[in-house]
Every structure is written in structure tokens, then in C-alpha cells.
Amino acid sequence: MSLRSKEQQRARVREAVPWKARAWRELEAGRERIQAMLAPLPEGELMRQHSPLMSPLVWDVAHVANYEEQWLLRALGAPAFTDPAFDAIYDAFRHPRGTRATLPLLEPEAAWAYATRVREAVGAHLETLPEDSADPLLHGGFVFGMVAQHAQQHAETLAATLQLMTNVEYHPVEALRPQPGAVPQHEVLIPGGPVHLGSDDAWAYDNERPLHVVEVAPFLLDAHPVTTGDFLVFVESGGYEDPRWWDPKGFAWIQAERIRHPLFWIPRGNHVWLRRRFGTVEPLPKDEPVQHVSWYEADAYARWAGKRLPTEAEWEKAAQGSDGVSRAHPWGDAAPTDAHANLGGARWGPSPVGSHPLGGSADGVWGLLGDVWEWTSSDFQPYAGFRAFPYREYSEVFFGDTSKVLRGGAWASAPVAVRNSFRNWDFPIRRQIFAGFRCARDVR
């Protein structure tokens, strides 16, 4: 049986499994997480626009509820709560983030009440729906998976907004920092060969489809992401002042913006560096994956190190492993646990490299899922045979050469939205996202 046929068979088996209990569990997990994240903040801070890069926090609350109303009620034949004109206020494509504070937004109490009313109606309507249906929205629970992932993606967006806040301190309760000990960087040889790129899984997004097989040449890949300590050497050796390492557009950008180090780093002189993280200024931890770096910064470091960023096909080849076994995650199909990856937001930052011993790939690559999103060299383009579903604005309008693909998820990403095939994307100047990288190198 071919690699593609095996993965299609696995996808059919997953789709045959009853999905309604999982859908409800994931919807509730997203709501509970958002509520817990925002509970410490007074109402005024929820309404405030903390950065032109981000929405007011309360906009996300009502937007997530409105998206749920549109797709899990109206699109599935249930009565609407709001007039479609209400959708315009929470339409992410109609209103750029920097303008949303000027809209007639629901205040926090009303936004939470709206979200609660929608969720109660969704729960009642879910009971009437069949577990098996030929309707593309319901097949395998697709639309419920889409909405559950959407909520958790906004929880990650809220985390980025909380990190950008400067007018109020935010001190989250975080899980204990693992202490795994030093894990030296080394390169892993990834043999060339076929890789099934993408997914036909029931909850996969349209940009992950269709599953297809591509050939990848042999390459070397860093065993774990570039650490803060690694990147500090680049900073202190003058990497930001030397145009040899930079894409010309990137060098012009850092010169214009006077960027000399990753976002939220604080130089104190005499090789002393601090960072600001959610209201706390602390020593820069050298054993964690570097985060809050743009694609241009990642690309420059890779050039300086005599390497390059991996393509997204290479990244997925490394995550799948070279033994021919098809896997949803680098370790297999088992759902992520704390031993596999740093996900779900409990740590409020990356873990030291090597903290998750069960998360390695079949070839011995660490940390491919969780901790930090990993920039790749690839532009965000459709796979051959792509079909927009269920709406063009999720993926299709972003295809082109203006955005770069990120893979793997971050510490703030939820397990429901993290898998080998998941594709994230952003502009190459973005630094507020929880992004890092690892390097690759051709085999010579």
C-alpha cells in the first residue's frame, strides 16, 4: 500500500469515530481558557486597545461567540440570535485590528452574556445532529473542529495582546519551569525520500488539503530550536549591523525601525540582558528557544551560522520521520501530554530545550511541536488541488509571496490546533507572535 493510501485509510478510520463528545469537550476547553486568561483584568483594560497590532481584548470575546453563532447555529439550520448586520462589527476582514476600538463593541458583561447564550444554544442543537452525515460541514464533525480550533487560536492571540500590555501589570499563574539540564545542539541527518504533505483528516483546514506526496532531498536539521543563548551570540557579535546576513528588505526594515535585538529583550550593558514577560522583568534564560523574532531575523541568523531555514516540506518530513510510518505528531498518533510538548498555555513561555523527552521524532529531532512556532523558508501558497472551504477568507486570500509559513505551534497553542500538517503564516516582519526557528543545511 502506498504512503498516500495508508494515510487516506487512517483518515477514514478517524472520521468514523464518534466526534460529538470530543467537539463539546474542545469547545468548552477554549471558553474556559479564555475566561481564565481575562479574569484578572478590570473591565476598562478589556475595552482598551493595548497595541495597534492587536484588537481590544473584549473584541475577541464577542468575535469568537459570533463566529460560533454563524457556523454552529445558523449554518446548521438553527435560529439566529443576532441580525447578520451585527456580524459586521466582528468581521475580522472588514475592520483592521487598529480600528476596532472605534466600533460599537459589546461591553465585557454583555459580551460574556452573548457568548454564554450562544454556547447554551449550541449544546442543545448539537444533541439533534447525527454523528455521521454526508454534509461536508458535519462530516467527521468538521465545522465543530473548525470552531473549536478558532477559539483556541484566539486564546493565543489574546496571550500576545497580554504580552504587549504596558499600562497594566499582568502576572499569570504559571506551571513550574522544567529543569532538564543542558542539551547540546547538534544536527540530525534526515534521509531523502517521499513525505505525505498535508492531511485529509476530518478536522484539517483547507490549506492543509489535499494530502499529497512530495520528494525531499536529504538534509541536515538542528536537533532542537535555536536557543536564546545561541541567538545572543549573533546579537553581541554585531549581527544586526552587518548587511551580509540580511535579506535586503529585512536590513532596510531593521535600520528604519532601529531594531538591534529580539522584541522584549532589554540590554543592561556589560553583557547583561533581561526580558519582559507578562509584566515581569527577568534575566534572559539562555536555555529556552528564542521567541519573538521575525522571519527576517531568523533568516539572518541562519545565514550567519552558515545554514538556512528549512522548507515547510523538509519540516514536515522531519516531523513525520524517515521510517515510512505515517504520524499525526512526531511521536505518533497519541494526543500530546506534558511529556510530549509544551502546549496549552500553562507555562506562559517556552520550556528549556530537552524538557519533553517523549516528544522526539523517529529520527531524533526534538521540540518540533510546542514551545515556539518555527519559521520556514516557504511562502504561503496553496497545495495543488486546493479548494477553499468553507469560506475563502480563511486561507485563499492570504496566498502569495507576502507571508511566510510557520510550523509546529507554540507554548500558547492548544493541542487541538497542533499537528504535523498544520500551517500557520504571517508577514516576515511580525515579532509579537510566539515565533522562533531552527536551522537546516544541505547535505554535501
Protein backbone atom coordinates (compact mmCIF):
# COMPACT_ATOMS: atom_id res chain seq x y z
CA MET A 1 0.00 0.00 0.00
CA SER A 2 1.38 3.42 -0.94
CA LEU A 3 2.16 6.13 1.61
CA ARG A 4 -0.80 8.18 0.36
CA SER A 5 -3.18 5.21 0.54
CA LYS A 6 -2.12 4.41 4.10
CA GLU A 7 -2.78 7.97 5.26
CA GLN A 8 -6.15 8.08 3.50
CA GLN A 9 -7.10 4.84 5.25
CA ARG A 10 -6.09 6.30 8.61
CA ALA A 11 -8.15 9.43 7.90
CA ARG A 12 -11.24 7.33 7.12
CA VAL A 13 -10.82 5.43 10.38
CA ARG A 14 -10.56 8.70 12.36
CA GLU A 15 -13.65 10.11 10.63
CA ALA A 16 -15.66 7.00 11.57
CA VAL A 17 -15.06 7.61 15.28
CA PRO A 18 -17.93 9.45 17.01
CA TRP A 19 -16.97 13.10 17.22
CA LYS A 20 -19.68 14.89 19.22
CA ALA A 21 -18.21 14.29 22.69
CA ARG A 22 -14.80 15.49 21.53
CA ALA A 23 -16.33 18.55 19.86
CA TRP A 24 -18.13 19.62 23.03
CA ARG A 25 -15.04 19.00 25.16
CA GLU A 26 -12.85 21.13 22.91
CA LEU A 27 -15.42 23.94 22.69
CA GLU A 28 -15.66 24.09 26.47
CA ALA A 29 -11.86 23.97 26.85
CA GLY A 30 -11.49 27.02 24.62
CA ARG A 31 -14.14 29.02 26.51
CA GLU A 32 -12.70 28.12 29.91
CA ARG A 33 -9.20 29.08 28.84
CA ILE A 34 -10.25 32.49 27.52
CA GLN A 35 -12.24 33.21 30.67
CA ALA A 36 -9.30 32.27 32.90
CA MET A 37 -6.88 34.43 30.90
CA LEU A 38 -9.04 37.54 31.08
CA ALA A 39 -10.47 37.13 34.60
CA PRO A 40 -7.63 39.08 36.34
CA LEU A 41 -8.22 42.22 34.27
CA PRO A 42 -10.63 45.07 35.08
CA GLU A 43 -13.30 45.91 32.51
CA GLY A 44 -11.52 49.06 31.38
CA GLU A 45 -8.47 47.07 30.28
CA LEU A 46 -10.65 44.67 28.33
CA MET A 47 -12.04 47.59 26.32
CA ARG A 48 -8.69 49.32 25.77
CA GLN A 49 -6.62 48.93 22.61
CA HIS A 50 -3.24 47.97 24.06
CA SER A 51 -1.42 47.91 20.71
CA PRO A 52 -2.32 48.91 17.14
CA LEU A 53 -1.23 45.39 16.21
CA MET A 54 -3.99 43.81 18.30
CA SER A 55 -7.72 44.13 18.96
CA PRO A 56 -9.24 45.24 22.27
CA LEU A 57 -9.47 42.07 24.34
CA VAL A 58 -13.25 42.22 24.53
CA TRP A 59 -13.49 42.25 20.72
CA ASP A 60 -12.01 38.75 20.65
CA VAL A 61 -14.53 37.51 23.22
CA ALA A 62 -17.54 38.59 21.15
CA HIS A 63 -15.88 37.70 17.83
CA VAL A 64 -15.35 34.10 18.98
CA ALA A 65 -19.00 33.91 20.08
CA ASN A 66 -20.24 35.45 16.83
CA TYR A 67 -18.17 33.02 14.76
CA GLU A 68 -19.69 30.19 16.79
CA GLU A 69 -23.20 31.54 16.21
CA GLN A 70 -22.63 31.82 12.48
CA TRP A 71 -21.18 28.34 11.95
CA LEU A 72 -22.64 26.11 14.68
CA LEU A 73 -26.15 27.59 14.67
CA ARG A 74 -27.09 29.50 11.51
CA ALA A 75 -25.04 27.39 9.07
CA LEU A 76 -26.52 24.22 10.58
CA GLY A 77 -30.13 25.36 10.42
CA ALA A 78 -30.65 26.68 13.96
CA PRO A 79 -32.31 30.06 14.59
CA ALA A 80 -30.07 33.13 14.65
CA PHE A 81 -29.64 35.22 17.80
CA THR A 82 -28.44 38.34 16.06
CA ASP A 83 -29.14 40.13 12.82
CA PRO A 84 -26.46 39.46 10.20
CA ALA A 85 -25.68 43.19 10.34
CA PHE A 86 -24.26 42.53 13.81
CA ASP A 87 -21.66 40.28 12.17
CA ALA A 88 -20.01 43.28 10.54
CA ILE A 89 -18.75 44.62 13.88
CA TYR A 90 -16.89 41.39 14.49
CA ASP A 91 -15.80 40.74 10.91
CA ALA A 92 -12.01 40.43 11.03
CA PHE A 93 -11.71 41.20 7.31
CA ARG A 94 -13.85 44.30 7.35
CA HIS A 95 -12.11 46.05 10.26
CA PRO A 96 -8.30 46.05 10.71
CA ARG A 97 -7.18 45.46 14.28
CA GLY A 98 -6.05 49.04 14.75
CA THR A 99 -9.56 50.38 14.12
CA ARG A 100 -11.66 48.01 16.22
CA ALA A 101 -11.63 50.13 19.38
CA THR A 102 -13.72 52.71 17.49
CA LEU A 103 -16.55 50.24 16.83
CA PRO A 104 -19.72 49.97 18.97
CA LEU A 105 -18.39 46.90 20.78
CA LEU A 106 -20.32 44.95 23.37
CA GLU A 107 -19.01 45.79 26.82
CA PRO A 108 -17.49 42.89 28.78
CA GLU A 109 -20.58 41.82 30.72
CA ALA A 110 -22.71 41.85 27.56
CA ALA A 111 -20.02 40.07 25.53
CA TRP A 112 -19.77 37.24 28.07
CA ALA A 113 -23.57 37.01 28.27
CA TYR A 114 -23.75 36.74 24.47
CA ALA A 115 -21.10 34.02 24.47
CA THR A 116 -22.97 32.08 27.16
CA ARG A 117 -26.27 32.30 25.30
CA VAL A 118 -24.67 31.07 22.08
CA ARG A 119 -22.94 28.17 23.82
CA GLU A 120 -26.18 27.02 25.50
CA ALA A 121 -27.94 27.01 22.14
CA VAL A 122 -25.05 25.15 20.50
CA GLY A 123 -25.20 22.48 23.20
CA ALA A 124 -28.91 21.95 22.61
CA HIS A 125 -28.52 21.91 18.83
CA LEU A 126 -25.55 19.51 18.98
CA GLU A 127 -27.80 16.87 20.55
CA THR A 128 -30.02 16.89 17.47
CA LEU A 129 -27.21 16.37 14.97
CA PRO A 130 -26.15 12.96 13.61
CA GLU A 131 -22.69 11.51 14.27
CA ASP A 132 -22.45 10.51 10.61
CA SER A 133 -23.53 12.82 7.83
CA ALA A 134 -22.72 13.43 4.18
CA ASP A 135 -22.99 17.18 4.76
CA PRO A 136 -19.42 18.49 4.28
CA LEU A 137 -19.79 20.76 7.31
CA LEU A 138 -20.76 17.86 9.58
CA HIS A 139 -18.69 15.03 8.09
CA GLY A 140 -16.45 13.91 10.92
CA GLY A 141 -17.54 16.99 12.86
CA PHE A 142 -15.52 19.29 10.59
CA VAL A 143 -17.31 22.55 11.40
CA PHE A 144 -17.16 21.90 15.15
CA GLY A 145 -13.44 21.22 14.87
CA MET A 146 -13.04 24.43 12.88
CA VAL A 147 -14.84 26.49 15.54
CA ALA A 148 -13.03 24.82 18.46
CA GLN A 149 -9.65 25.48 16.83
CA HIS A 150 -10.68 29.05 16.02
CA ALA A 151 -11.41 29.75 19.70
CA GLN A 152 -8.05 28.39 20.80
CA GLN A 153 -6.26 30.36 18.09
CA HIS A 154 -7.85 33.49 19.55
CA ALA A 155 -6.70 32.44 23.02
CA GLU A 156 -3.17 32.51 21.61
CA THR A 157 -3.86 35.93 20.08
CA LEU A 158 -5.06 37.14 23.49
CA ALA A 159 -1.80 35.92 25.02
CA ALA A 160 0.11 38.04 22.50
CA THR A 161 -2.02 41.05 23.43
CA LEU A 162 -1.39 40.48 27.14
CA GLN A 163 2.35 40.38 26.47
CA LEU A 164 2.14 43.72 24.64
CA MET A 165 0.34 45.48 27.51
CA THR A 166 2.41 48.18 29.18
CA ASN A 167 -0.14 50.26 31.10
CA VAL A 168 -1.15 47.47 33.49
CA GLU A 169 0.81 44.60 35.01
CA TYR A 170 -0.33 41.09 34.21
CA HIS A 171 1.15 38.29 36.28
CA PRO A 172 -0.28 34.92 35.23
CA VAL A 173 -0.14 31.84 37.41
CA GLU A 174 2.20 29.57 35.53
CA ALA A 175 3.32 25.97 35.76
CA LEU A 176 6.74 25.26 37.23
CA ARG A 177 9.67 25.64 34.87
CA PRO A 178 11.18 22.26 33.93
CA GLN A 179 14.85 21.71 34.74
CA PRO A 180 16.07 19.17 32.17
CA GLY A 181 19.76 20.09 32.17
CA ALA A 182 21.89 21.17 29.24
CA VAL A 183 21.04 19.69 25.83
CA PRO A 184 23.77 20.47 23.29
CA GLN A 185 22.77 21.47 19.79
CA HIS A 186 23.65 19.07 17.01
CA GLU A 187 22.48 18.27 13.51
CA VAL A 188 20.34 15.31 12.52
CA LEU A 189 20.55 13.76 9.07
CA ILE A 190 17.09 13.47 7.54
CA PRO A 191 17.29 10.99 4.66
CA GLY A 192 15.67 11.98 1.42
CA GLY A 193 12.54 10.36 0.11
CA PRO A 194 8.78 10.76 -0.05
CA VAL A 195 6.74 12.61 2.54
CA HIS A 196 2.96 12.90 2.65
CA LEU A 197 2.47 16.64 2.87
CA GLY A 198 -0.81 17.88 4.31
CA SER A 199 -3.76 15.95 5.65
CA ASP A 200 -7.21 14.62 4.79
CA ASP A 201 -8.13 14.35 8.46
CA ALA A 202 -11.69 15.43 9.31
CA TRP A 203 -10.58 18.48 11.31
CA ALA A 204 -7.81 19.63 8.96
CA TYR A 205 -8.16 23.12 7.50
CA ASP A 206 -8.50 23.73 3.78
CA ASN A 207 -4.90 24.92 3.42
CA GLU A 208 -3.68 21.51 4.69
CA ARG A 209 -5.56 19.74 1.90
CA PRO A 210 -5.29 17.70 -0.18
CA LEU A 211 -2.92 15.10 1.15
CA HIS A 212 -0.20 14.58 -1.43
CA VAL A 213 3.23 13.04 -1.67
CA VAL A 214 6.36 15.02 -2.48
CA GLU A 215 10.01 14.07 -2.67
CA VAL A 216 12.52 15.70 -0.35
CA ALA A 217 16.29 15.55 -0.84
CA PRO A 218 18.47 14.55 2.14
CA PHE A 219 19.24 17.44 4.50
CA LEU A 220 20.58 18.22 7.94
CA LEU A 221 18.33 19.76 10.58
CA ASP A 222 19.08 21.20 14.01
CA ALA A 223 18.06 18.75 16.72
CA HIS A 224 16.25 21.49 18.63
CA PRO A 225 15.27 25.12 18.01
CA VAL A 226 17.84 27.89 18.20
CA THR A 227 18.05 28.97 21.83
CA THR A 228 18.14 32.42 23.37
CA GLY A 229 21.77 31.81 24.26
CA ASP A 230 22.59 30.87 20.67
CA PHE A 231 20.88 33.97 19.35
CA LEU A 232 22.59 36.20 21.91
CA VAL A 233 25.94 35.35 20.32
CA PHE A 234 24.60 36.62 17.00
CA VAL A 235 23.37 39.83 18.65
CA GLU A 236 26.59 40.54 20.55
CA SER A 237 28.79 39.75 17.54
CA GLY A 238 27.18 42.59 15.61
CA GLY A 239 24.77 40.50 13.57
CA TYR A 240 22.21 43.27 13.40
CA GLU A 241 24.76 45.73 11.98
CA ASP A 242 26.14 43.52 9.19
CA PRO A 243 24.11 43.58 5.94
CA ARG A 244 25.87 40.42 4.71
CA TRP A 245 23.47 38.27 6.70
CA TRP A 246 20.23 40.01 5.85
CA ASP A 247 17.67 39.91 3.12
CA PRO A 248 17.90 43.46 1.69
CA LYS A 249 14.27 44.20 2.62
CA GLY A 250 14.90 42.91 6.11
CA PHE A 251 18.03 45.00 6.61
CA ALA A 252 16.23 48.12 5.40
CA TRP A 253 13.43 47.35 7.85
CA ILE A 254 15.64 46.88 10.92
CA GLN A 255 17.58 50.03 10.01
CA ALA A 256 14.39 52.06 9.66
CA GLU A 257 12.91 50.67 12.90
CA ARG A 258 16.26 50.75 14.78
CA ILE A 259 15.93 47.10 15.72
CA ARG A 260 19.03 45.63 17.37
CA HIS A 261 17.71 42.57 19.21
CA PRO A 262 14.55 40.45 19.57
CA LEU A 263 11.37 42.04 20.82
CA PHE A 264 11.06 42.39 24.62
CA TRP A 265 14.82 41.98 25.23
CA ILE A 266 16.34 44.65 27.49
CA PRO A 267 20.11 45.36 27.34
CA ARG A 268 21.72 46.41 30.62
CA GLY A 269 25.35 46.72 29.49
CA ASN A 270 28.40 44.56 30.20
CA HIS A 271 26.73 41.57 28.54
CA VAL A 272 23.76 41.66 30.91
CA TRP A 273 20.40 41.07 29.26
CA LEU A 274 16.89 40.96 30.65
CA ARG A 275 13.50 40.33 29.08
CA ARG A 276 9.98 41.49 29.81
CA ARG A 277 7.47 38.70 30.01
CA PHE A 278 3.85 39.33 31.05
CA GLY A 279 4.56 42.13 33.46
CA THR A 280 7.77 40.67 34.87
CA VAL A 281 11.31 41.72 34.00
CA GLU A 282 13.64 38.77 34.47
CA PRO A 283 17.09 37.54 33.42
CA LEU A 284 17.25 36.30 29.85
CA PRO A 285 17.07 32.47 30.02
CA LYS A 286 19.71 31.10 27.66
CA ASP A 287 18.39 27.53 27.58
CA GLU A 288 14.96 28.28 26.09
CA PRO A 289 14.12 28.52 22.39
CA VAL A 290 14.39 32.12 21.27
CA GLN A 291 10.99 33.70 20.59
CA HIS A 292 9.58 36.99 19.32
CA VAL A 293 11.89 37.02 16.31
CA SER A 294 10.72 37.91 12.83
CA TRP A 295 11.36 35.84 9.73
CA TYR A 296 14.00 38.36 8.69
CA GLU A 297 15.84 37.88 11.99
CA ALA A 298 15.60 34.10 11.76
CA ASP A 299 16.85 34.14 8.16
CA ALA A 300 19.75 36.42 9.06
CA TYR A 301 20.86 34.18 11.95
CA ALA A 302 20.73 31.12 9.71
CA ARG A 303 22.93 32.81 7.10
CA TRP A 304 25.35 33.97 9.81
CA ALA A 305 25.56 30.37 11.07
CA GLY A 306 26.30 29.08 7.57
CA LYS A 307 22.90 27.43 7.33
CA ARG A 308 19.38 28.24 6.12
CA LEU A 309 15.78 27.90 7.22
CA PRO A 310 14.09 24.61 6.27
CA THR A 311 11.33 24.49 3.70
CA GLU A 312 7.94 23.51 5.05
CA ALA A 313 8.19 20.19 3.18
CA GLU A 314 11.51 19.50 4.94
CA TRP A 315 9.99 20.46 8.27
CA GLU A 316 7.09 18.07 7.76
CA LYS A 317 9.45 15.34 6.57
CA ALA A 318 11.37 15.69 9.84
CA ALA A 319 8.14 15.61 11.85
CA GLN A 320 6.88 12.52 10.01
CA GLY A 321 10.17 10.66 10.37
CA SER A 322 12.10 8.81 7.70
CA ASP A 323 10.91 5.29 8.62
CA GLY A 324 7.79 5.47 6.42
CA VAL A 325 5.32 5.40 9.31
CA SER A 326 2.53 7.97 8.98
CA ARG A 327 2.08 10.03 12.15
CA ALA A 328 -0.18 12.85 13.29
CA HIS A 329 2.58 14.09 15.63
CA PRO A 330 6.33 13.47 15.64
CA TRP A 331 5.93 10.76 18.31
CA GLY A 332 2.86 9.10 16.77
CA ASP A 333 -0.91 9.48 16.90
CA ALA A 334 -1.21 9.73 20.69
CA ALA A 335 -2.59 13.05 21.95
CA PRO A 336 0.07 15.42 23.33
CA THR A 337 0.84 15.34 27.05
CA ASP A 338 3.28 17.43 29.10
CA ALA A 339 5.90 14.76 28.45
CA HIS A 340 5.48 15.28 24.68
CA ALA A 341 5.31 19.05 24.25
CA ASN A 342 4.84 22.44 25.89
CA LEU A 343 1.34 23.37 24.69
CA GLY A 344 -1.86 24.86 26.03
CA GLY A 345 -0.52 27.99 27.69
CA ALA A 346 0.12 26.70 31.21
CA ARG A 347 3.84 27.56 31.15
CA TRP A 348 3.36 31.11 29.77
CA GLY A 349 6.64 30.75 27.90
CA PRO A 350 8.94 28.24 26.23
CA SER A 351 10.47 25.40 28.24
CA PRO A 352 14.21 24.74 28.26
CA VAL A 353 15.20 22.59 25.32
CA GLY A 354 15.02 18.91 26.13
CA SER A 355 12.17 19.30 28.63
CA HIS A 356 9.79 16.93 26.84
CA PRO A 357 11.56 13.59 26.36
CA LEU A 358 8.65 11.74 24.72
CA GLY A 359 8.20 14.38 22.03
CA GLY A 360 11.14 13.50 19.82
CA SER A 361 10.72 12.34 16.24
CA ALA A 362 11.70 8.93 14.88
CA ASP A 363 14.96 10.50 13.67
CA GLY A 364 15.79 12.16 16.99
CA VAL A 365 14.63 15.72 16.35
CA TRP A 366 13.34 17.48 19.50
CA GLY A 367 10.67 20.08 20.10
CA LEU A 368 9.05 20.16 16.69
CA LEU A 369 5.65 20.75 18.30
CA GLY A 370 5.17 23.35 21.03
CA ASP A 371 7.39 25.97 22.68
CA VAL A 372 7.73 28.26 19.62
CA TRP A 373 6.32 28.44 16.12
CA GLU A 374 9.14 27.73 13.68
CA TRP A 375 9.68 29.95 10.65
CA THR A 376 10.31 28.13 7.38
CA SER A 377 11.70 29.48 4.13
CA SER A 378 8.45 28.78 2.28
CA ASP A 379 5.91 31.31 1.07
CA PHE A 380 2.30 30.58 2.00
CA GLN A 381 0.96 29.00 -1.17
CA PRO A 382 -1.89 26.56 -1.90
CA TYR A 383 -1.22 22.90 -2.45
CA ALA A 384 -2.09 21.56 -5.89
CA GLY A 385 -5.79 20.71 -5.90
CA PHE A 386 -6.64 23.20 -3.13
CA ARG A 387 -10.33 24.05 -2.67
CA ALA A 388 -11.45 26.84 -0.36
CA PHE A 389 -13.80 25.50 2.32
CA PRO A 390 -15.96 26.64 3.93
CA TYR A 391 -15.02 30.25 3.11
CA ARG A 392 -12.30 31.92 1.04
CA GLU A 393 -11.16 34.27 3.77
CA TYR A 394 -9.61 31.61 5.98
CA SER A 395 -6.72 30.80 3.62
CA GLU A 396 -7.16 31.70 -0.02
CA VAL A 397 -6.97 35.48 0.29
CA PHE A 398 -3.61 35.18 2.07
CA PHE A 399 -1.83 33.02 -0.52
CA GLY A 400 1.12 34.65 -2.22
CA ASP A 401 4.67 35.77 -1.61
CA THR A 402 3.94 38.25 1.19
CA SER A 403 3.63 35.74 4.04
CA LYS A 404 5.96 33.02 5.28
CA VAL A 405 4.86 29.66 6.65
CA LEU A 406 5.38 28.76 10.32
CA ARG A 407 5.11 25.22 11.62
CA GLY A 408 4.78 23.35 14.89
CA GLY A 409 2.79 25.52 17.28
CA ALA A 410 3.96 27.41 20.36
CA TRP A 411 3.58 27.14 24.13
CA ALA A 412 0.38 29.21 23.74
CA SER A 413 -1.09 26.91 21.07
CA ALA A 414 -3.71 24.36 22.07
CA PRO A 415 -3.21 20.65 21.31
CA VAL A 416 -6.41 20.64 19.23
CA ALA A 417 -4.77 23.04 16.77
CA VAL A 418 -1.33 21.41 16.61
CA ARG A 419 -0.31 18.57 14.29
CA ASN A 420 2.41 17.78 11.78
CA SER A 421 0.36 19.14 8.89
CA PHE A 422 -0.88 22.39 10.49
CA ARG A 423 0.18 25.53 8.56
CA ASN A 424 0.43 28.95 10.16
CA TRP A 425 1.56 32.05 8.28
CA ASP A 426 2.45 35.68 8.88
CA PHE A 427 4.31 38.64 7.45
CA PRO A 428 8.11 38.36 7.68
CA ILE A 429 8.28 41.44 9.96
CA ARG A 430 5.97 40.01 12.65
CA ARG A 431 7.61 39.79 16.08
CA GLN A 432 4.77 39.87 18.63
CA ILE A 433 3.84 36.27 17.77
CA PHE A 434 5.47 33.42 19.70
CA ALA A 435 7.83 32.51 16.87
CA GLY A 436 11.33 31.07 16.81
CA PHE A 437 13.12 28.77 14.38
CA ARG A 438 15.64 26.03 13.79
CA CYS A 439 18.22 25.81 11.03
CA ALA A 440 18.78 23.36 8.21
CA ARG A 441 21.67 22.67 5.89
CA ASP A 442 22.14 20.92 2.57
CA VAL A 443 23.98 17.59 2.56
CA ARG A 444 27.22 17.96 0.66
